[in-house]
Amino acid sequence: MRKIKVGLVQQANGRNFHDNLEKLSRNIAAVAAYGAELVVLQELHNTLYFCQTESTDNFDLAEPIPGPSTGFYSELARQLQIVLVTSLFEKRAPGLYHNTAVVFDKDGSIAGKYRKMHIPDDPAYYEKFYFTPGDLGFKPIQTSIGKLGVQVCWDQWYPEGARLMALQGADILIYPTAIGWESSDTDDEKARQLGAWIISQRGHAVANGLPVIAVNRVGHEPDPSGQTRGIQFWGNSFVAGPQGEILAQASNLKEENLVVEVDLERSENVRRWWPFLRDRRIDEFGDLTKRFID
């Protein structure tokens, strides 16, 4: 049986960059101490979620890759002998920035990176102001524990990316995330949004016969502009198996570390029972590359 233990770090962030990193370091070490070989962090975990407003000053938060943060997480991965999935604000060139997931292998080397492809632009999520859409494609990252199909947040709503990762041999689909409620949403609307978020990713697990890991922020972060009442990040980080079954799920209000055993061989059996890849009508899918079919 090919089983691995996965660590999820669901964290609330503050204004102090160094305090956030110290807390992350403690939490990463804590899940590693419980046997986690793969550790996944939330989206843009070094800082507050700065995309609530559009400010050119926030570009000062970006770093080159490799750079200081990759050095910090590389050393953690090496010391703890873990594969570590991080989410960084990448400065590629002056005026050119990406929302980039960087994966470190157990020896501290950078196994690969993924630049967020789908960039939202919604009230309190003004990401198009900051991030250029990714140009590395949907390609799994090979590590010592398998191929990781890493995407970031808004990508999780699109089945195409998950499918392309699966078609290239991904063993697990992984989504670092920053999503929450605006305080003016009704309780019914909050329940619908959270339910849709979970269902969409469980759907990726089912359709591709793969485990899914989603790690979200938690806690309230105020709007620096004062135009809204900020975002209550809804947590609920979870791991789903290849039939969409929930293997573990965090709460929606508190910081939480999870360590979950995932059986990677189960995907083989599930795909034998439900051979969706076999039965795909690839000869009829050409129109999927169109924006809309009039």
Protein backbone atom coordinates (compact mmCIF):
# COMPACT_ATOMS: atom_id res chain seq x y z
CA MET A 1 0.00 0.00 0.00
CA ARG A 2 1.36 3.44 -0.95
CA LYS A 3 0.21 5.66 1.88
CA ILE A 4 1.48 9.08 2.89
CA LYS A 5 0.67 11.39 5.77
CA VAL A 6 -0.36 14.89 4.77
CA GLY A 7 -0.18 17.93 7.03
CA LEU A 8 -2.53 20.91 6.56
CA VAL A 9 -1.77 24.21 8.28
CA GLN A 10 -4.88 26.42 8.62
CA GLN A 11 -3.67 29.70 10.10
CA ALA A 12 -4.86 33.23 10.92
CA ASN A 13 -2.35 35.90 9.94
CA GLY A 14 -1.45 39.27 11.45
CA ARG A 15 0.29 42.42 10.27
CA ASN A 16 3.78 41.37 11.36
CA PHE A 17 5.55 39.41 8.64
CA HIS A 18 8.10 37.83 10.99
CA ASP A 19 5.42 36.76 13.49
CA ASN A 20 3.54 35.04 10.66
CA LEU A 21 6.66 33.16 9.60
CA GLU A 22 7.46 32.11 13.15
CA LYS A 23 3.93 30.76 13.60
CA LEU A 24 4.12 28.94 10.26
CA SER A 25 7.45 27.44 11.25
CA ARG A 26 5.99 26.12 14.52
CA ASN A 27 2.92 24.69 12.80
CA ILE A 28 4.93 23.05 10.03
CA ALA A 29 7.21 21.45 12.63
CA ALA A 30 4.17 20.31 14.62
CA VAL A 31 2.58 18.37 11.73
CA ALA A 32 5.98 16.98 10.74
CA ALA A 33 6.37 15.68 14.31
CA TYR A 34 3.14 13.73 13.79
CA GLY A 35 4.61 12.08 10.72
CA ALA A 36 3.49 14.38 7.89
CA GLU A 37 5.65 13.82 4.79
CA LEU A 38 3.74 16.36 2.69
CA VAL A 39 2.79 19.72 4.24
CA VAL A 40 0.49 22.20 2.49
CA LEU A 41 0.11 25.87 3.44
CA GLN A 42 -2.66 28.35 2.60
CA GLU A 43 -2.54 30.99 -0.13
CA LEU A 44 -0.23 34.01 0.41
CA HIS A 45 0.56 32.76 3.90
CA ASN A 46 3.40 35.18 4.71
CA THR A 47 1.19 38.25 5.09
CA LEU A 48 -2.33 39.50 5.47
CA TYR A 49 -4.46 39.08 2.34
CA PHE A 50 -3.44 42.41 0.82
CA CYS A 51 -5.74 42.18 -2.24
CA GLN A 52 -8.69 43.72 -0.36
CA THR A 53 -7.48 47.09 -1.71
CA GLU A 54 -5.52 48.34 -4.71
CA SER A 55 -2.30 49.96 -3.52
CA THR A 56 1.01 50.14 -5.35
CA ASP A 57 2.75 50.07 -1.95
CA ASN A 58 1.76 46.41 -1.62
CA PHE A 59 4.10 45.46 -4.45
CA ASP A 60 6.88 45.92 -1.87
CA LEU A 61 5.68 42.61 -0.36
CA ALA A 62 6.74 40.66 -3.45
CA GLU A 63 9.98 38.70 -3.61
CA PRO A 64 12.05 37.08 -6.35
CA ILE A 65 12.11 33.30 -6.66
CA PRO A 66 14.58 32.15 -5.48
CA GLY A 67 14.75 34.74 -2.71
CA PRO A 68 14.48 35.21 1.07
CA SER A 69 11.25 33.26 1.53
CA THR A 70 12.33 30.36 -0.65
CA GLY A 71 15.53 30.19 1.40
CA PHE A 72 13.49 30.10 4.62
CA TYR A 73 11.11 27.35 3.47
CA SER A 74 13.87 25.39 1.75
CA GLU A 75 15.71 25.10 5.05
CA LEU A 76 12.54 24.03 6.87
CA ALA A 77 11.84 21.32 4.30
CA ARG A 78 15.42 20.08 4.52
CA GLN A 79 15.55 20.05 8.33
CA LEU A 80 12.17 18.34 8.71
CA GLN A 81 12.58 16.03 5.69
CA ILE A 82 9.21 17.00 4.23
CA VAL A 83 7.77 17.98 0.87
CA LEU A 84 6.42 21.49 1.44
CA VAL A 85 3.86 23.36 -0.70
CA THR A 86 4.07 27.14 -0.26
CA SER A 87 2.30 30.14 -1.79
CA LEU A 88 4.32 33.30 -2.49
CA PHE A 89 3.95 36.75 -4.05
CA GLU A 90 6.54 36.55 -6.81
CA LYS A 91 8.40 39.53 -8.25
CA ARG A 92 9.46 38.27 -11.67
CA ALA A 93 10.59 41.65 -13.03
CA PRO A 94 9.82 45.32 -12.34
CA GLY A 95 6.07 45.69 -12.90
CA LEU A 96 5.58 41.94 -13.43
CA TYR A 97 4.25 39.90 -10.51
CA HIS A 98 2.66 36.49 -10.02
CA ASN A 99 0.77 34.54 -7.37
CA THR A 100 3.09 31.54 -7.28
CA ALA A 101 3.07 28.19 -5.49
CA VAL A 102 6.58 26.86 -4.84
CA VAL A 103 7.12 23.20 -3.92
CA PHE A 104 10.19 22.10 -1.97
CA ASP A 105 11.41 18.52 -1.82
CA LYS A 106 12.77 16.75 1.26
CA ASP A 107 16.34 17.83 0.51
CA GLY A 108 15.29 21.50 0.44
CA SER A 109 15.55 21.83 -3.33
CA ILE A 110 12.84 23.61 -5.32
CA ALA A 111 10.98 20.75 -7.02
CA GLY A 112 8.94 23.16 -9.13
CA LYS A 113 6.54 26.08 -9.15
CA TYR A 114 3.09 26.90 -10.45
CA ARG A 115 1.86 30.39 -11.28
CA LYS A 116 -1.84 30.97 -10.61
CA MET A 117 -3.66 30.87 -13.94
CA HIS A 118 -7.13 32.22 -13.12
CA ILE A 119 -7.04 35.66 -11.52
CA PRO A 120 -10.25 36.99 -9.88
CA ASP A 121 -11.38 40.58 -9.71
CA ASP A 122 -14.24 40.90 -7.22
CA PRO A 123 -15.03 43.29 -4.37
CA ALA A 124 -12.34 42.71 -1.70
CA TYR A 125 -10.47 40.33 -4.05
CA TYR A 126 -8.73 42.76 -6.41
CA GLU A 127 -6.15 40.28 -7.62
CA LYS A 128 -6.00 41.45 -11.24
CA PHE A 129 -4.37 44.64 -9.95
CA TYR A 130 -1.48 42.61 -8.54
CA PHE A 131 -1.04 39.36 -10.45
CA THR A 132 -0.23 38.55 -14.05
CA PRO A 133 -1.92 35.29 -15.12
CA GLY A 134 0.39 32.30 -14.97
CA ASP A 135 2.33 31.12 -18.00
CA LEU A 136 3.67 27.76 -16.82
CA GLY A 137 0.56 25.81 -17.74
CA PHE A 138 -1.11 23.06 -15.73
CA LYS A 139 1.82 20.74 -15.16
CA PRO A 140 2.25 18.44 -12.13
CA ILE A 141 5.39 18.87 -10.05
CA GLN A 142 7.48 15.75 -9.57
CA THR A 143 8.63 15.18 -5.98
CA SER A 144 10.11 12.31 -3.99
CA ILE A 145 6.61 11.31 -2.84
CA GLY A 146 4.85 11.59 -6.21
CA LYS A 147 3.48 14.05 -8.74
CA LEU A 148 1.63 16.98 -7.19
CA GLY A 149 -1.07 18.74 -9.21
CA VAL A 150 -0.77 22.14 -7.51
CA GLN A 151 -3.09 25.03 -8.38
CA VAL A 152 -4.11 28.12 -6.39
CA CYS A 153 -7.51 29.25 -5.03
CA TRP A 154 -9.61 30.64 -7.94
CA ASP A 155 -8.23 27.82 -10.10
CA GLN A 156 -10.23 25.41 -7.95
CA TRP A 157 -13.49 26.42 -9.62
CA TYR A 158 -12.33 25.26 -13.07
CA PRO A 159 -12.52 21.54 -13.92
CA GLU A 160 -10.20 21.94 -16.90
CA GLY A 161 -7.09 22.56 -14.81
CA ALA A 162 -7.77 19.56 -12.58
CA ARG A 163 -8.31 17.35 -15.63
CA LEU A 164 -5.09 18.50 -17.31
CA MET A 165 -3.16 17.74 -14.13
CA ALA A 166 -4.75 14.27 -13.96
CA LEU A 167 -3.99 13.56 -17.62
CA GLN A 168 -0.30 14.20 -16.91
CA GLY A 169 -0.15 11.71 -14.07
CA ALA A 170 -0.79 13.82 -10.97
CA ASP A 171 -1.15 11.68 -7.84
CA ILE A 172 -2.88 14.40 -5.77
CA LEU A 173 -4.65 17.69 -6.54
CA ILE A 174 -3.64 20.52 -4.17
CA TYR A 175 -5.21 23.97 -3.71
CA PRO A 176 -3.73 26.61 -1.37
CA THR A 177 -6.63 29.02 -0.81
CA ALA A 178 -7.75 32.37 0.58
CA ILE A 179 -11.54 32.58 0.52
CA GLY A 180 -14.12 33.85 2.96
CA TRP A 181 -17.32 35.74 3.61
CA GLU A 182 -18.00 39.44 3.39
CA SER A 183 -19.89 40.40 6.54
CA SER A 184 -22.92 41.68 4.62
CA ASP A 185 -23.67 38.19 3.25
CA THR A 186 -26.71 36.50 4.80
CA ASP A 187 -26.32 33.21 6.64
CA ASP A 188 -28.08 31.41 3.78
CA GLU A 189 -25.71 32.95 1.24
CA LYS A 190 -22.70 32.04 3.36
CA ALA A 191 -23.88 28.43 3.50
CA ARG A 192 -24.37 28.34 -0.29
CA GLN A 193 -20.90 29.74 -0.96
CA LEU A 194 -19.14 27.35 1.39
CA GLY A 195 -21.12 24.40 0.08
CA ALA A 196 -20.28 25.26 -3.53
CA TRP A 197 -16.59 25.61 -2.68
CA ILE A 198 -16.46 22.16 -1.11
CA ILE A 199 -18.64 20.49 -3.76
CA SER A 200 -16.61 21.84 -6.67
CA GLN A 201 -13.38 20.40 -5.31
CA ARG A 202 -14.93 17.10 -4.28
CA GLY A 203 -16.17 16.99 -7.89
CA HIS A 204 -12.56 17.25 -9.11
CA ALA A 205 -11.70 14.29 -6.90
CA VAL A 206 -14.56 12.20 -8.28
CA ALA A 207 -14.13 13.15 -11.95
CA ASN A 208 -10.41 12.41 -11.90
CA GLY A 209 -10.23 9.62 -9.32
CA LEU A 210 -7.68 11.53 -7.25
CA PRO A 211 -7.36 12.80 -3.68
CA VAL A 212 -7.80 16.56 -3.21
CA ILE A 213 -6.19 18.77 -0.56
CA ALA A 214 -7.58 22.28 0.01
CA VAL A 215 -5.97 24.53 2.65
CA ASN A 216 -7.71 27.81 3.43
CA ARG A 217 -7.01 30.82 5.64
CA VAL A 218 -9.04 31.44 8.77
CA GLY A 219 -9.87 34.47 10.89
CA HIS A 220 -11.08 38.01 10.24
CA GLU A 221 -8.94 40.44 8.29
CA PRO A 222 -10.14 44.09 8.21
CA ASP A 223 -10.38 46.13 5.03
CA PRO A 224 -7.57 48.74 5.22
CA SER A 225 -9.71 51.19 3.20
CA GLY A 226 -12.69 50.88 5.55
CA GLN A 227 -15.04 50.52 2.58
CA THR A 228 -16.15 47.05 3.68
CA ARG A 229 -16.14 45.24 7.00
CA GLY A 230 -13.32 43.01 5.84
CA ILE A 231 -13.22 39.30 5.12
CA GLN A 232 -13.99 36.46 7.51
CA PHE A 233 -11.94 33.66 5.99
CA TRP A 234 -13.96 30.51 6.38
CA GLY A 235 -11.31 27.87 7.01
CA ASN A 236 -12.83 24.42 6.44
CA SER A 237 -9.56 23.10 5.04
CA PHE A 238 -10.12 19.50 4.00
CA VAL A 239 -8.84 16.35 2.37
CA ALA A 240 -11.10 14.35 0.06
CA GLY A 241 -10.47 10.86 -1.28
CA PRO A 242 -10.77 9.83 -4.94
CA GLN A 243 -14.52 9.24 -4.65
CA GLY A 244 -15.02 12.66 -3.08
CA GLU A 245 -15.24 11.22 0.42
CA ILE A 246 -14.17 13.65 3.15
CA LEU A 247 -11.19 12.17 4.99
CA ALA A 248 -10.71 15.14 7.33
CA GLN A 249 -12.00 18.70 7.66
CA ALA A 250 -11.03 21.65 9.85
CA SER A 251 -13.45 24.09 11.48
CA ASN A 252 -14.47 27.45 10.03
CA LEU A 253 -13.47 29.67 12.96
CA LYS A 254 -10.18 28.57 14.47
CA GLU A 255 -6.58 27.88 13.58
CA GLU A 256 -6.03 24.19 13.17
CA ASN A 257 -3.41 21.69 12.05
CA LEU A 258 -4.51 18.41 10.50
CA VAL A 259 -2.47 15.28 9.78
CA VAL A 260 -4.29 12.88 7.46
CA GLU A 261 -3.25 9.54 5.99
CA VAL A 262 -3.92 9.33 2.25
CA ASP A 263 -3.81 6.06 0.34
CA LEU A 264 -2.44 6.91 -3.10
CA GLU A 265 -3.05 3.37 -4.41
CA ARG A 266 -6.79 3.76 -3.86
CA SER A 267 -6.93 5.94 -6.99
CA GLU A 268 -5.99 2.91 -9.08
CA ASN A 269 -8.94 0.90 -7.75
CA VAL A 270 -11.39 3.78 -8.06
CA ARG A 271 -10.38 4.34 -11.68
CA ARG A 272 -10.95 0.67 -12.40
CA TRP A 273 -14.47 0.91 -10.99
CA TRP A 274 -15.21 4.28 -12.60
CA PRO A 275 -13.11 4.46 -15.81
CA PHE A 276 -13.92 8.07 -16.68
CA LEU A 277 -10.60 8.57 -18.46
CA ARG A 278 -11.27 5.54 -20.65
CA ASP A 279 -14.69 6.73 -21.75
CA ARG A 280 -13.90 10.37 -22.48
CA ARG A 281 -15.00 11.41 -25.99
CA ILE A 282 -11.82 13.33 -26.77
CA ASP A 283 -12.81 13.42 -30.45
CA GLU A 284 -15.72 15.72 -29.53
CA PHE A 285 -14.04 18.08 -27.05
CA GLY A 286 -12.41 20.54 -29.44
CA ASP A 287 -14.93 23.29 -28.72
CA LEU A 288 -13.76 23.46 -25.10
CA THR A 289 -11.03 25.82 -26.26
CA LYS A 290 -13.65 28.41 -27.28
CA ARG A 291 -14.75 31.20 -24.95
CA PHE A 292 -18.42 30.54 -25.79
CA ILE A 293 -20.25 28.52 -28.45
CA ASP A 294 -22.71 30.84 -30.20
